[in-house]
Amino acid sequence: MSENTIHLLLKSRVKEFGTRLLYQRRDGWSWKQITWLDFDRKVKNIASFLMDLGLGPGDRVVVASSNRLEAISAEIAVMLVGGVIVPLEMNAASEAVTAAANETGAKFIFIEQGESLDGVLNSIGLLHGVERIIVFPDAHIKNEKVLDFKAVLKFGLMKRKKLEDELTKVSGGVDPDSLAAVFIGAGGAASEFTQGTIMDALRTISGKYHQLGTEDQSFSYMTAASPFSKFINYLTLYRASRAAVADSRKDFYMDVVEVMPTLLYETGADLEVISGDLLSGKNGASPAKNLRLELGNRVGHIFVDRLPGEKTGRLFSEAGVTLHEIKELSA
C-alpha cells in the first residue's frame, strides 16, 4: 500500500499495530495509555462529528493550540476527510484568530484554553462562517456555538455509527494533491502543504534518521504554528514508534524524568532558553550534568527546526545529545 495520504498512513499502521501503545499522557497522578486503535477511534469520532456538520474536502479549520494530543487528533481528523488545517500558535492574538478564520472561510475553530480564548469568544459575532468553536481542555462555556472537546468525541461516536461508510468513502477519495495545511506568515503570506508534500517529507526524514525506532519513545511540547512544530509530531505515526505529549511547558520538564524518552522534538529557540537556565550550574554540578538530569538521562537525540547558537550547541554535545536540524519541514 502506497502511504501517500494521511488516511492511508493511519489505515496501514492501525492494521499492523492495533493494540500496541502509541501515546501516553498524564491523567492526574497516573498515565493514560492510548493504543493505535484508541487513537483511530478518536480521530474517526472527530471526523464524523465534523462531517455531520458539513465539513468536506477543501474546507478550512483553524487550530490555535500547542501540540497537545487533542490538537494532533483534530488535525489528523480534518485531513482524513480532505479538510485543510490553518495552524495558529497557542495564545495567538484573538484578532489574529478571527482574521484567519474569516480570511480562509474556516468552518470550525479548535482552540486551547489560554490568553486568546476570551477575546475570540467576545468576537463570535464577527466570525462569519464558523459553525462551532471547540475548546480544550473542557471549559463548560454556555454558548450554542461553543463545544467542549469531550462533547465532540461523544457526539462523534454516535455520528460515526451512522456515517461509517460515508467516512470511509470520503477519506478514501482524498488524493496526495489535496491541500492539507495553510500556514499564515508575517504580512499575510501563506505557505501551503498538500497531503503528498507532508508524506514525502516524513518519508525523507525517516530515511535519513533512524534514531526513532518502534521501541523508542519521543516527547514534545511546542506552541508554535510552524510546519516543523506541527508535522514533526506525525513522524511518530510514520515510524510507528511511541510518544508522550505534554499539556504545558511546566509539565514537559516535570514529566520528562518519568517518561524517560530517547528522543525529543524541540525548537531551536526553546533550546536556547533551556541552556540559559542551566549554564550557571546548580547544586555544584556542571551544566552538562544538570542537562542530562533535566532530559531524563536517556535522551540521545533532539530534532529541531534550526540549530541553536554555538554555546548552546556545545552544552548539548557535552551532555551526550546529538541535535538534528530538520530542513524538510521549513516553510
Protein backbone atom coordinates (compact mmCIF):
# COMPACT_ATOMS: atom_id res chain seq x y z
CA MET A 1 0.00 0.00 0.00
CA SER A 2 1.45 3.37 -1.03
CA GLU A 3 1.18 5.66 2.02
CA ASN A 4 0.80 8.94 0.16
CA THR A 5 -2.07 10.37 2.20
CA ILE A 6 -2.80 10.70 5.91
CA HIS A 7 -5.72 8.28 5.55
CA LEU A 8 -3.57 5.55 4.03
CA LEU A 9 -0.85 6.06 6.64
CA LEU A 10 -3.28 5.70 9.53
CA LYS A 11 -5.06 2.75 7.92
CA SER A 12 -1.80 0.89 7.38
CA ARG A 13 -0.42 1.49 10.87
CA VAL A 14 -3.65 0.64 12.70
CA LYS A 15 -3.93 -2.61 10.75
CA GLU A 16 -0.37 -3.58 11.71
CA PHE A 17 -0.10 -2.25 15.27
CA GLY A 18 -3.74 -2.02 16.51
CA THR A 19 -3.46 -2.84 20.22
CA ARG A 20 0.09 -1.60 20.67
CA LEU A 21 0.83 1.55 22.68
CA LEU A 22 1.02 4.73 20.61
CA TYR A 23 0.64 7.67 23.03
CA GLN A 24 0.72 8.28 26.73
CA ARG A 25 -0.23 11.40 28.61
CA ARG A 26 -0.55 12.37 32.23
CA ASP A 27 -4.03 11.87 33.69
CA GLY A 28 -3.96 13.26 37.22
CA TRP A 29 -1.39 11.26 39.17
CA SER A 30 -1.26 8.41 36.68
CA TRP A 31 -0.55 7.99 32.98
CA LYS A 32 -3.17 7.25 30.36
CA GLN A 33 -2.15 4.68 27.77
CA ILE A 34 -3.52 5.19 24.24
CA THR A 35 -3.21 2.43 21.65
CA TRP A 36 -3.33 2.76 17.88
CA LEU A 37 -6.94 1.56 17.94
CA ASP A 38 -7.82 4.12 20.63
CA PHE A 39 -6.30 6.91 18.56
CA ASP A 40 -8.00 5.70 15.37
CA ARG A 41 -11.40 5.69 17.08
CA LYS A 42 -10.85 9.17 18.49
CA VAL A 43 -9.80 10.57 15.12
CA LYS A 44 -12.79 8.99 13.36
CA ASN A 45 -15.18 10.27 16.02
CA ILE A 46 -13.93 13.81 15.46
CA ALA A 47 -14.04 13.39 11.68
CA SER A 48 -17.62 12.07 11.85
CA PHE A 49 -18.73 14.97 14.02
CA LEU A 50 -17.22 17.50 11.60
CA MET A 51 -18.66 15.72 8.57
CA ASP A 52 -22.12 15.71 10.12
CA LEU A 53 -21.89 19.49 10.46
CA GLY A 54 -20.86 19.88 6.83
CA LEU A 55 -17.07 19.70 6.72
CA GLY A 56 -15.89 18.39 3.38
CA PRO A 57 -12.81 18.26 1.16
CA GLY A 58 -11.13 21.65 0.88
CA ASP A 59 -12.90 23.20 3.87
CA ARG A 60 -10.72 25.11 6.35
CA VAL A 61 -10.37 24.54 10.09
CA VAL A 62 -8.36 26.87 12.34
CA VAL A 63 -6.31 25.11 15.05
CA ALA A 64 -4.90 27.51 17.67
CA SER A 65 -3.06 25.27 20.09
CA SER A 66 0.13 23.72 21.33
CA ASN A 67 0.89 20.22 20.05
CA ARG A 68 -1.19 18.57 22.77
CA LEU A 69 -2.93 15.31 21.92
CA GLU A 70 -6.34 16.92 21.29
CA ALA A 71 -4.83 19.16 18.62
CA ILE A 72 -2.96 16.31 16.92
CA SER A 73 -6.15 14.22 16.88
CA ALA A 74 -8.18 17.10 15.45
CA GLU A 75 -5.62 17.85 12.74
CA ILE A 76 -5.48 14.23 11.59
CA ALA A 77 -9.30 14.06 11.63
CA VAL A 78 -9.60 17.15 9.42
CA MET A 79 -7.07 15.78 6.93
CA LEU A 80 -8.79 12.39 6.98
CA VAL A 81 -11.79 13.89 5.21
CA GLY A 82 -9.72 16.13 2.94
CA GLY A 83 -10.12 19.26 5.03
CA VAL A 84 -7.40 21.88 5.46
CA ILE A 85 -5.93 22.96 8.79
CA VAL A 86 -4.93 26.58 9.38
CA PRO A 87 -2.50 26.37 12.33
CA LEU A 88 -2.01 29.28 14.71
CA GLU A 89 0.27 29.39 17.72
CA MET A 90 -1.15 28.86 21.17
CA ASN A 91 -2.21 32.21 22.64
CA ALA A 92 -2.25 33.88 19.25
CA ALA A 93 -3.94 37.27 19.48
CA SER A 94 -7.70 36.87 19.34
CA GLU A 95 -7.73 39.34 16.43
CA ALA A 96 -5.37 37.02 14.55
CA VAL A 97 -7.64 34.03 15.18
CA THR A 98 -10.70 35.93 13.98
CA ALA A 99 -8.89 37.27 10.92
CA ALA A 100 -7.51 33.84 9.97
CA ALA A 101 -10.94 32.25 10.30
CA ASN A 102 -12.63 34.91 8.19
CA GLU A 103 -9.92 35.21 5.54
CA THR A 104 -9.77 31.45 4.96
CA GLY A 105 -13.51 30.89 5.31
CA ALA A 106 -12.98 28.44 8.17
CA LYS A 107 -15.97 26.36 9.29
CA PHE A 108 -14.53 25.38 12.65
CA ILE A 109 -12.04 26.60 15.23
CA PHE A 110 -10.22 24.29 17.62
CA ILE A 111 -8.67 26.37 20.38
CA GLU A 112 -6.76 25.62 23.55
CA GLN A 113 -7.70 27.50 26.68
CA GLY A 114 -5.35 30.43 27.09
CA GLU A 115 -4.92 34.14 26.59
CA SER A 116 -6.77 34.35 23.27
CA LEU A 117 -9.91 32.37 24.16
CA ASP A 118 -11.83 35.17 25.90
CA GLY A 119 -11.15 37.55 23.03
CA VAL A 120 -12.32 35.01 20.47
CA LEU A 121 -15.50 34.35 22.44
CA ASN A 122 -16.17 38.09 22.63
CA SER A 123 -15.78 38.27 18.86
CA ILE A 124 -18.12 35.41 17.95
CA GLY A 125 -20.40 37.83 16.14
CA LEU A 126 -17.51 38.73 13.82
CA LEU A 127 -16.84 35.12 12.81
CA HIS A 128 -18.80 34.94 9.58
CA GLY A 129 -18.71 31.28 8.51
CA VAL A 130 -17.63 29.45 11.67
CA GLU A 131 -20.08 26.69 12.64
CA ARG A 132 -18.54 25.74 16.00
CA ILE A 133 -15.67 26.71 18.30
CA ILE A 134 -14.25 23.64 20.03
CA VAL A 135 -12.31 24.21 23.26
CA PHE A 136 -9.85 22.01 25.14
CA PRO A 137 -9.40 21.20 27.91
CA ASP A 138 -13.09 21.45 28.70
CA ALA A 139 -14.28 24.93 29.66
CA HIS A 140 -18.08 24.46 30.02
CA ILE A 141 -18.89 27.69 28.21
CA LYS A 142 -22.59 28.37 27.69
CA ASN A 143 -22.86 29.37 24.06
CA GLU A 144 -24.56 27.46 21.26
CA LYS A 145 -21.50 27.87 19.04
CA VAL A 146 -19.02 26.62 21.64
CA LEU A 147 -18.40 22.96 22.45
CA ASP A 148 -16.04 21.15 24.78
CA PHE A 149 -13.73 18.65 23.12
CA LYS A 150 -15.20 15.76 25.15
CA ALA A 151 -18.63 16.59 23.75
CA VAL A 152 -17.24 16.37 20.21
CA LEU A 153 -15.88 12.89 20.96
CA LYS A 154 -19.19 11.83 22.49
CA PHE A 155 -21.39 13.16 19.69
CA GLY A 156 -18.87 11.98 17.12
CA LEU A 157 -19.13 8.41 18.41
CA MET A 158 -22.88 8.46 17.79
CA LYS A 159 -22.45 10.06 14.36
CA ARG A 160 -19.75 7.58 13.33
CA LYS A 161 -22.18 4.69 13.65
CA LYS A 162 -24.31 6.41 11.02
CA LEU A 163 -21.54 7.81 8.86
CA GLU A 164 -19.01 4.93 8.88
CA ASP A 165 -19.47 4.07 5.21
CA GLU A 166 -19.50 7.71 4.11
CA LEU A 167 -16.35 8.46 6.13
CA THR A 168 -14.58 5.51 4.50
CA LYS A 169 -15.64 6.67 1.06
CA VAL A 170 -14.66 10.31 1.61
CA SER A 171 -11.28 9.56 3.20
CA GLY A 172 -10.51 7.01 0.51
CA GLY A 173 -11.16 9.66 -2.14
CA VAL A 174 -8.58 12.10 -0.77
CA ASP A 175 -5.53 12.17 -3.03
CA PRO A 176 -1.91 13.28 -2.49
CA ASP A 177 -2.54 16.59 -4.27
CA SER A 178 -5.27 17.55 -1.79
CA LEU A 179 -4.37 20.68 0.15
CA ALA A 180 -3.79 19.78 3.83
CA ALA A 181 -2.46 22.85 5.61
CA VAL A 182 -2.12 26.60 5.15
CA PHE A 183 0.35 28.47 7.36
CA ILE A 184 -0.19 32.22 7.58
CA GLY A 185 3.12 34.04 7.87
CA ALA A 186 4.16 37.60 8.52
CA GLY A 187 2.32 40.10 6.38
CA GLY A 188 -0.31 37.53 5.48
CA ALA A 189 1.94 35.44 3.23
CA ALA A 190 0.75 31.84 3.12
CA SER A 191 2.69 28.58 2.87
CA GLU A 192 0.71 25.59 1.64
CA PHE A 193 1.30 21.87 2.14
CA THR A 194 -0.53 19.09 0.35
CA GLN A 195 -1.02 15.65 1.86
CA GLY A 196 1.54 14.32 -0.58
CA THR A 197 4.05 17.01 0.43
CA ILE A 198 3.69 16.10 4.10
CA MET A 199 4.04 12.39 3.41
CA ASP A 200 7.09 12.96 1.19
CA ALA A 201 8.75 15.00 3.95
CA LEU A 202 8.06 12.30 6.56
CA ARG A 203 9.39 9.63 4.20
CA THR A 204 12.57 11.60 3.58
CA ILE A 205 13.15 12.33 7.27
CA SER A 206 12.50 8.69 8.14
CA GLY A 207 15.04 7.59 5.53
CA LYS A 208 17.72 9.99 6.77
CA TYR A 209 17.30 9.50 10.51
CA HIS A 210 16.94 6.06 12.06
CA GLN A 211 17.19 7.20 15.67
CA LEU A 212 13.45 6.78 16.23
CA GLY A 213 12.53 3.09 16.09
CA THR A 214 9.42 1.17 17.03
CA GLU A 215 10.70 0.62 20.57
CA ASP A 216 11.79 4.22 21.12
CA GLN A 217 9.73 6.94 22.71
CA SER A 218 9.66 10.61 21.78
CA PHE A 219 8.42 13.50 23.90
CA SER A 220 7.45 17.01 22.91
CA TYR A 221 5.76 20.23 23.85
CA MET A 222 5.71 23.05 21.30
CA THR A 223 3.40 26.03 20.99
CA ALA A 224 4.49 27.49 17.65
CA ALA A 225 2.46 27.24 14.44
CA SER A 226 5.26 26.25 12.07
CA PRO A 227 5.40 23.28 9.70
CA PHE A 228 8.11 21.77 11.90
CA SER A 229 6.15 22.16 15.16
CA LYS A 230 3.06 20.63 13.58
CA PHE A 231 4.33 17.90 11.30
CA ILE A 232 7.37 16.57 13.14
CA ASN A 233 4.89 15.01 15.58
CA TYR A 234 3.45 12.99 12.71
CA LEU A 235 6.82 11.23 12.47
CA THR A 236 5.62 9.15 15.43
CA LEU A 237 2.82 7.83 13.24
CA TYR A 238 5.08 7.31 10.25
CA ARG A 239 7.79 5.47 12.21
CA ALA A 240 5.23 3.53 14.28
CA SER A 241 7.03 4.47 17.47
CA ARG A 242 5.65 5.69 20.80
CA ALA A 243 5.20 9.22 22.08
CA ALA A 244 4.34 11.14 25.21
CA VAL A 245 2.70 14.51 24.76
CA ALA A 246 2.64 17.16 27.48
CA ASP A 247 -0.14 19.66 28.14
CA SER A 248 2.14 22.50 29.24
CA ARG A 249 5.80 23.54 29.27
CA LYS A 250 5.89 23.11 33.05
CA ASP A 251 4.53 19.55 32.74
CA PHE A 252 7.01 18.80 29.98
CA TYR A 253 10.13 19.05 32.11
CA MET A 254 8.39 17.80 35.22
CA ASP A 255 7.26 14.66 33.41
CA VAL A 256 10.36 14.01 31.32
CA VAL A 257 12.06 12.19 34.22
CA GLU A 258 9.11 9.78 34.45
CA VAL A 259 8.65 9.36 30.70
CA MET A 260 12.36 8.73 30.09
CA PRO A 261 12.20 9.46 26.33
CA THR A 262 15.04 8.59 23.99
CA LEU A 263 14.30 11.45 21.60
CA LEU A 264 12.80 14.94 21.85
CA TYR A 265 11.16 17.27 19.34
CA GLU A 266 12.04 20.87 20.21
CA THR A 267 12.56 24.27 18.61
CA GLY A 268 15.98 25.89 18.46
CA ALA A 269 14.59 28.91 20.29
CA ASP A 270 13.43 26.79 23.23
CA LEU A 271 16.80 25.03 23.41
CA GLU A 272 18.39 28.44 23.94
CA VAL A 273 16.03 29.08 26.86
CA ILE A 274 16.78 25.68 28.39
CA SER A 275 20.54 26.17 28.14
CA GLY A 276 20.32 29.69 29.56
CA ASP A 277 18.71 28.31 32.70
CA LEU A 278 21.43 25.69 33.13
CA LEU A 279 24.68 27.35 32.14
CA SER A 280 25.17 28.94 35.55
CA GLY A 281 25.14 25.47 37.11
CA LYS A 282 23.24 24.39 40.22
CA ASN A 283 23.86 22.16 43.19
CA GLY A 284 27.54 22.30 42.36
CA ALA A 285 27.08 20.13 39.27
CA SER A 286 28.24 21.00 35.78
CA PRO A 287 25.68 22.44 33.31
CA ALA A 288 26.08 19.32 31.12
CA LYS A 289 25.31 17.02 34.04
CA ASN A 290 22.30 19.13 35.01
CA LEU A 291 21.10 18.98 31.42
CA ARG A 292 21.33 15.18 31.41
CA LEU A 293 19.17 15.12 34.52
CA GLU A 294 16.77 17.66 33.03
CA LEU A 295 16.34 15.43 29.96
CA GLY A 296 15.63 12.27 31.94
CA ASN A 297 19.11 10.76 31.45
CA ARG A 298 18.14 8.79 28.32
CA VAL A 299 17.70 11.39 25.57
CA GLY A 300 20.37 10.95 22.93
CA HIS A 301 18.84 12.86 20.02
CA ILE A 302 16.78 16.03 19.60
CA PHE A 303 15.08 17.00 16.33
CA VAL A 304 14.98 20.81 15.92
CA ASP A 305 13.73 23.28 13.35
CA ARG A 306 17.04 25.14 13.46
CA LEU A 307 20.31 24.60 15.29
CA PRO A 308 20.90 26.85 18.32
CA GLY A 309 23.95 29.06 18.81
CA GLU A 310 27.43 27.64 19.29
CA LYS A 311 27.39 27.94 23.08
CA THR A 312 24.09 26.10 23.42
CA GLY A 313 25.09 23.51 20.85
CA ARG A 314 28.29 22.79 22.78
CA LEU A 315 26.33 22.31 26.03
CA PHE A 316 24.07 19.69 24.45
CA SER A 317 27.06 17.96 22.87
CA GLU A 318 28.82 17.79 26.27
CA ALA A 319 25.64 16.25 27.66
CA GLY A 320 25.85 13.49 25.04
CA VAL A 321 22.96 14.77 22.92
CA THR A 322 23.04 15.00 19.12
CA LEU A 323 20.96 17.77 17.52
CA HIS A 324 19.38 17.15 14.11
CA GLU A 325 18.18 20.12 12.08
CA ILE A 326 15.12 19.11 10.06
CA LYS A 327 15.10 21.25 6.92
CA GLU A 328 12.44 19.20 5.14
CA LEU A 329 9.72 20.92 7.20
CA SER A 330 10.73 24.51 6.64
CA ALA A 331 8.08 26.81 5.23
